Amino acid sequence: MIYVFSTVRVRKEYFSEAVDFYIDFVSDVLEKEPGCLEYSPTISIDPELPDKDEGTIFVAERWKTVDSFKAHLDMPYRQAFLEKMEPLLVDGIFTRITQRVV
């Protein structure tokens, strides 16, 4: 199993629209990709932090294999999702593929 973490910086005026896009996208991923074990877009809610990461969506994913994640990258609905998201982004989507060390 692998873990994928993405940071998505969205223009603040489009934040709720971007969150709505993710809500629709999650159901596609989970329904159509058996290699995806979890796909969870999240937002920062800690009011005590000086920088609340407003305008940022953090995506936590779990995949069975690197190959199942790579197949996800070529899915047509993912391409359509990226086309909708691109104009809303500040500077792209930054992704890291990781694995457990223990």
N, C-alpha and C. Protein backbone atom coordinates (compact mmCIF):
# COMPACT_ATOMS: atom_id res chain seq x y z
N MET A 1 0.85 -1.17 0.00
CA MET A 1 0.00 0.00 0.00
C MET A 1 0.90 1.24 0.00
N ILE A 2 0.43 2.27 -0.70
CA ILE A 2 1.14 3.55 -0.71
C ILE A 2 0.20 4.65 -0.23
N TYR A 3 0.81 5.74 0.19
CA TYR A 3 0.08 6.93 0.60
C TYR A 3 0.45 8.06 -0.35
N VAL A 4 -0.54 8.83 -0.72
CA VAL A 4 -0.31 9.99 -1.59
C VAL A 4 -0.87 11.21 -0.88
N PHE A 5 -0.05 12.26 -0.81
CA PHE A 5 -0.47 13.50 -0.17
C PHE A 5 -0.31 14.64 -1.17
N SER A 6 -1.38 15.40 -1.35
CA SER A 6 -1.34 16.53 -2.27
C SER A 6 -1.74 17.81 -1.55
N THR A 7 -1.10 18.89 -1.93
CA THR A 7 -1.44 20.22 -1.43
C THR A 7 -1.94 21.01 -2.62
N VAL A 8 -3.16 21.55 -2.49
CA VAL A 8 -3.82 22.25 -3.58
C VAL A 8 -4.11 23.67 -3.12
N ARG A 9 -3.35 24.63 -3.62
CA ARG A 9 -3.57 26.03 -3.25
C ARG A 9 -4.52 26.66 -4.25
N VAL A 10 -5.66 27.12 -3.74
CA VAL A 10 -6.74 27.64 -4.56
C VAL A 10 -6.87 29.15 -4.34
N ARG A 11 -7.18 29.88 -5.40
CA ARG A 11 -7.47 31.31 -5.25
C ARG A 11 -8.66 31.44 -4.29
N LYS A 12 -8.51 32.29 -3.29
CA LYS A 12 -9.52 32.35 -2.22
C LYS A 12 -10.93 32.59 -2.72
N GLU A 13 -11.07 33.38 -3.77
CA GLU A 13 -12.41 33.67 -4.28
C GLU A 13 -13.08 32.45 -4.92
N TYR A 14 -12.30 31.40 -5.21
CA TYR A 14 -12.83 30.19 -5.85
C TYR A 14 -12.81 28.98 -4.92
N PHE A 15 -12.52 29.21 -3.63
CA PHE A 15 -12.32 28.09 -2.72
C PHE A 15 -13.55 27.18 -2.63
N SER A 16 -14.74 27.73 -2.41
CA SER A 16 -15.92 26.86 -2.28
C SER A 16 -16.23 26.13 -3.57
N GLU A 17 -15.96 26.75 -4.69
CA GLU A 17 -16.16 26.08 -5.98
C GLU A 17 -15.19 24.89 -6.11
N ALA A 18 -13.94 25.09 -5.70
CA ALA A 18 -12.95 24.01 -5.75
C ALA A 18 -13.35 22.86 -4.82
N VAL A 19 -13.83 23.17 -3.64
CA VAL A 19 -14.29 22.13 -2.71
C VAL A 19 -15.43 21.35 -3.34
N ASP A 20 -16.37 22.02 -3.98
CA ASP A 20 -17.48 21.34 -4.66
C ASP A 20 -16.98 20.41 -5.76
N PHE A 21 -15.98 20.85 -6.53
CA PHE A 21 -15.39 20.00 -7.57
C PHE A 21 -14.81 18.73 -6.94
N TYR A 22 -14.14 18.88 -5.80
CA TYR A 22 -13.56 17.71 -5.13
C TYR A 22 -14.65 16.76 -4.63
N ILE A 23 -15.73 17.29 -4.11
CA ILE A 23 -16.82 16.44 -3.62
C ILE A 23 -17.32 15.53 -4.74
N ASP A 24 -17.51 16.09 -5.92
CA ASP A 24 -17.95 15.28 -7.07
C ASP A 24 -16.86 14.29 -7.51
N PHE A 25 -15.62 14.73 -7.49
CA PHE A 25 -14.51 13.92 -7.96
C PHE A 25 -14.27 12.69 -7.07
N VAL A 26 -14.43 12.85 -5.77
CA VAL A 26 -14.21 11.74 -4.83
C VAL A 26 -15.09 10.56 -5.18
N SER A 27 -16.35 10.79 -5.46
CA SER A 27 -17.25 9.67 -5.76
C SER A 27 -16.81 8.94 -7.02
N ASP A 28 -16.33 9.67 -8.04
CA ASP A 28 -15.81 9.01 -9.24
C ASP A 28 -14.64 8.11 -8.91
N VAL A 29 -13.68 8.64 -8.17
CA VAL A 29 -12.47 7.88 -7.84
C VAL A 29 -12.83 6.62 -7.06
N LEU A 30 -13.62 6.76 -6.02
CA LEU A 30 -13.92 5.62 -5.16
C LEU A 30 -14.80 4.58 -5.86
N GLU A 31 -15.69 5.01 -6.73
CA GLU A 31 -16.57 4.08 -7.43
C GLU A 31 -15.89 3.37 -8.60
N LYS A 32 -14.99 4.06 -9.28
CA LYS A 32 -14.45 3.55 -10.54
C LYS A 32 -13.04 2.98 -10.45
N GLU A 33 -12.38 3.14 -9.29
CA GLU A 33 -11.00 2.70 -9.19
C GLU A 33 -10.81 1.78 -7.98
N PRO A 34 -10.85 0.47 -8.23
CA PRO A 34 -10.71 -0.47 -7.12
C PRO A 34 -9.36 -0.41 -6.42
N GLY A 35 -8.36 0.18 -7.07
CA GLY A 35 -7.05 0.31 -6.45
C GLY A 35 -6.98 1.42 -5.42
N CYS A 36 -8.02 2.26 -5.36
CA CYS A 36 -8.04 3.36 -4.39
C CYS A 36 -8.74 2.90 -3.11
N LEU A 37 -8.01 2.97 -2.01
CA LEU A 37 -8.55 2.56 -0.72
C LEU A 37 -9.15 3.73 0.06
N GLU A 38 -8.63 4.92 -0.20
CA GLU A 38 -9.13 6.13 0.46
C GLU A 38 -8.76 7.33 -0.39
N TYR A 39 -9.69 8.28 -0.46
CA TYR A 39 -9.44 9.54 -1.17
C TYR A 39 -10.15 10.63 -0.37
N SER A 40 -9.38 11.40 0.40
CA SER A 40 -9.96 12.33 1.36
C SER A 40 -9.43 13.75 1.21
N PRO A 41 -10.17 14.62 0.51
CA PRO A 41 -9.81 16.04 0.52
C PRO A 41 -10.14 16.62 1.90
N THR A 42 -9.23 17.40 2.45
CA THR A 42 -9.43 17.98 3.78
C THR A 42 -9.05 19.46 3.75
N ILE A 43 -9.54 20.19 4.75
CA ILE A 43 -9.18 21.60 4.89
C ILE A 43 -8.75 21.85 6.33
N SER A 44 -7.92 22.84 6.53
CA SER A 44 -7.42 23.19 7.86
C SER A 44 -8.53 23.85 8.67
N ILE A 45 -8.66 23.42 9.94
CA ILE A 45 -9.70 24.01 10.79
C ILE A 45 -9.16 24.47 12.14
N ASP A 46 -7.86 24.41 12.36
CA ASP A 46 -7.30 24.76 13.67
C ASP A 46 -7.29 26.27 13.85
N PRO A 47 -8.20 26.81 14.67
CA PRO A 47 -8.28 28.27 14.84
C PRO A 47 -7.10 28.87 15.61
N GLU A 48 -6.30 28.04 16.26
CA GLU A 48 -5.17 28.53 17.05
C GLU A 48 -3.92 28.78 16.22
N LEU A 49 -3.87 28.22 15.01
CA LEU A 49 -2.69 28.41 14.18
C LEU A 49 -2.68 29.80 13.57
N PRO A 50 -1.52 30.45 13.56
CA PRO A 50 -1.47 31.79 12.97
C PRO A 50 -1.74 31.78 11.46
N ASP A 51 -1.31 30.73 10.78
CA ASP A 51 -1.58 30.58 9.36
C ASP A 51 -2.50 29.39 9.21
N LYS A 52 -3.77 29.66 8.96
CA LYS A 52 -4.77 28.60 8.91
C LYS A 52 -4.82 27.91 7.56
N ASP A 53 -3.87 28.21 6.68
CA ASP A 53 -3.85 27.60 5.35
C ASP A 53 -5.15 27.85 4.60
N GLU A 54 -5.72 29.03 4.79
CA GLU A 54 -6.95 29.37 4.08
C GLU A 54 -6.66 29.34 2.58
N GLY A 55 -7.57 28.74 1.86
CA GLY A 55 -7.37 28.63 0.43
C GLY A 55 -6.58 27.39 0.02
N THR A 56 -6.34 26.49 0.98
CA THR A 56 -5.59 25.28 0.66
C THR A 56 -6.43 24.04 0.96
N ILE A 57 -6.42 23.11 0.01
CA ILE A 57 -7.05 21.81 0.19
C ILE A 57 -5.91 20.79 0.29
N PHE A 58 -5.96 19.96 1.32
CA PHE A 58 -4.98 18.90 1.51
C PHE A 58 -5.67 17.58 1.18
N VAL A 59 -5.09 16.79 0.30
CA VAL A 59 -5.72 15.54 -0.11
C VAL A 59 -4.86 14.38 0.39
N ALA A 60 -5.49 13.48 1.17
CA ALA A 60 -4.83 12.28 1.67
C ALA A 60 -5.44 11.08 0.94
N GLU A 61 -4.56 10.26 0.37
CA GLU A 61 -5.02 9.11 -0.40
C GLU A 61 -4.27 7.86 0.02
N ARG A 62 -4.94 6.71 -0.12
CA ARG A 62 -4.28 5.42 0.05
C ARG A 62 -4.60 4.59 -1.18
N TRP A 63 -3.56 3.99 -1.76
CA TRP A 63 -3.69 3.16 -2.97
C TRP A 63 -3.07 1.81 -2.72
N LYS A 64 -3.60 0.78 -3.38
CA LYS A 64 -3.05 -0.57 -3.23
C LYS A 64 -1.60 -0.63 -3.71
N THR A 65 -1.33 0.01 -4.86
CA THR A 65 0.02 -0.05 -5.46
C THR A 65 0.33 1.26 -6.16
N VAL A 66 1.60 1.47 -6.45
CA VAL A 66 2.01 2.63 -7.25
C VAL A 66 1.35 2.55 -8.63
N ASP A 67 1.27 1.35 -9.20
CA ASP A 67 0.65 1.20 -10.52
C ASP A 67 -0.82 1.60 -10.51
N SER A 68 -1.54 1.28 -9.44
CA SER A 68 -2.96 1.68 -9.40
C SER A 68 -3.07 3.20 -9.31
N PHE A 69 -2.14 3.85 -8.60
CA PHE A 69 -2.15 5.31 -8.56
C PHE A 69 -1.79 5.89 -9.93
N LYS A 70 -0.79 5.33 -10.58
CA LYS A 70 -0.40 5.83 -11.91
C LYS A 70 -1.54 5.67 -12.91
N ALA A 71 -2.31 4.59 -12.82
CA ALA A 71 -3.47 4.41 -13.70
C ALA A 71 -4.50 5.51 -13.45
N HIS A 72 -4.65 5.90 -12.20
CA HIS A 72 -5.56 6.98 -11.82
C HIS A 72 -5.22 8.28 -12.56
N LEU A 73 -3.93 8.52 -12.74
CA LEU A 73 -3.49 9.77 -13.37
C LEU A 73 -3.97 9.90 -14.82
N ASP A 74 -4.26 8.78 -15.47
CA ASP A 74 -4.70 8.79 -16.87
C ASP A 74 -6.21 8.66 -17.06
N MET A 75 -6.96 8.59 -15.97
CA MET A 75 -8.41 8.44 -16.10
C MET A 75 -9.02 9.68 -16.75
N PRO A 76 -9.95 9.49 -17.69
CA PRO A 76 -10.55 10.64 -18.39
C PRO A 76 -11.27 11.61 -17.45
N TYR A 77 -11.95 11.10 -16.43
CA TYR A 77 -12.65 12.01 -15.51
C TYR A 77 -11.66 12.79 -14.66
N ARG A 78 -10.45 12.26 -14.44
CA ARG A 78 -9.42 13.03 -13.74
C ARG A 78 -8.93 14.17 -14.62
N GLN A 79 -8.76 13.90 -15.89
CA GLN A 79 -8.34 14.95 -16.82
C GLN A 79 -9.40 16.07 -16.87
N ALA A 80 -10.68 15.69 -16.91
CA ALA A 80 -11.76 16.68 -16.92
C ALA A 80 -11.76 17.49 -15.62
N PHE A 81 -11.51 16.81 -14.49
CA PHE A 81 -11.44 17.48 -13.20
C PHE A 81 -10.31 18.51 -13.20
N LEU A 82 -9.13 18.13 -13.69
CA LEU A 82 -7.99 19.04 -13.73
C LEU A 82 -8.26 20.25 -14.61
N GLU A 83 -8.95 20.05 -15.73
CA GLU A 83 -9.29 21.17 -16.61
C GLU A 83 -10.19 22.17 -15.89
N LYS A 84 -11.12 21.69 -15.07
CA LYS A 84 -11.99 22.59 -14.30
C LYS A 84 -11.22 23.29 -13.18
N MET A 85 -10.29 22.56 -12.56
CA MET A 85 -9.57 23.10 -11.41
C MET A 85 -8.47 24.08 -11.79
N GLU A 86 -7.82 23.85 -12.90
CA GLU A 86 -6.63 24.64 -13.25
C GLU A 86 -6.82 26.15 -13.14
N PRO A 87 -7.91 26.72 -13.66
CA PRO A 87 -8.06 28.18 -13.55
C PRO A 87 -8.26 28.68 -12.11
N LEU A 88 -8.61 27.78 -11.20
CA LEU A 88 -8.87 28.16 -9.81
C LEU A 88 -7.61 28.13 -8.94
N LEU A 89 -6.54 27.54 -9.46
CA LEU A 89 -5.34 27.30 -8.67
C LEU A 89 -4.40 28.49 -8.62
N VAL A 90 -3.71 28.62 -7.49
CA VAL A 90 -2.69 29.64 -7.33
C VAL A 90 -1.43 29.21 -8.07
N ASP A 91 -0.96 27.99 -7.79
CA ASP A 91 0.30 27.55 -8.38
C ASP A 91 0.39 26.05 -8.56
N GLY A 92 -0.69 25.41 -8.88
CA GLY A 92 -0.65 23.99 -9.18
C GLY A 92 -0.95 23.10 -8.00
N ILE A 93 -0.84 21.81 -8.25
CA ILE A 93 -1.08 20.78 -7.24
C ILE A 93 0.25 20.08 -6.98
N PHE A 94 0.68 20.06 -5.72
CA PHE A 94 1.95 19.43 -5.36
C PHE A 94 1.66 18.09 -4.70
N THR A 95 2.22 17.02 -5.24
CA THR A 95 1.90 15.67 -4.80
C THR A 95 3.16 14.92 -4.40
N ARG A 96 3.03 14.11 -3.31
CA ARG A 96 4.09 13.24 -2.86
C ARG A 96 3.54 11.83 -2.71
N ILE A 97 4.28 10.85 -3.22
CA ILE A 97 3.92 9.44 -3.05
C ILE A 97 4.85 8.89 -1.97
N THR A 98 4.24 8.27 -0.94
CA THR A 98 5.03 7.81 0.20
C THR A 98 4.67 6.36 0.54
N GLN A 99 5.49 5.78 1.40
CA GLN A 99 5.18 4.47 1.95
C GLN A 99 5.53 4.46 3.43
N ARG A 100 4.92 3.55 4.16
CA ARG A 100 5.22 3.45 5.59
C ARG A 100 6.64 2.99 5.81
N VAL A 101 7.23 3.45 6.88
CA VAL A 101 8.60 3.03 7.21
C VAL A 101 8.60 1.91 8.27
N VAL A 102 7.49 1.67 8.89
CA VAL A 102 7.40 0.62 9.90
C VAL A 102 6.32 -0.36 9.55
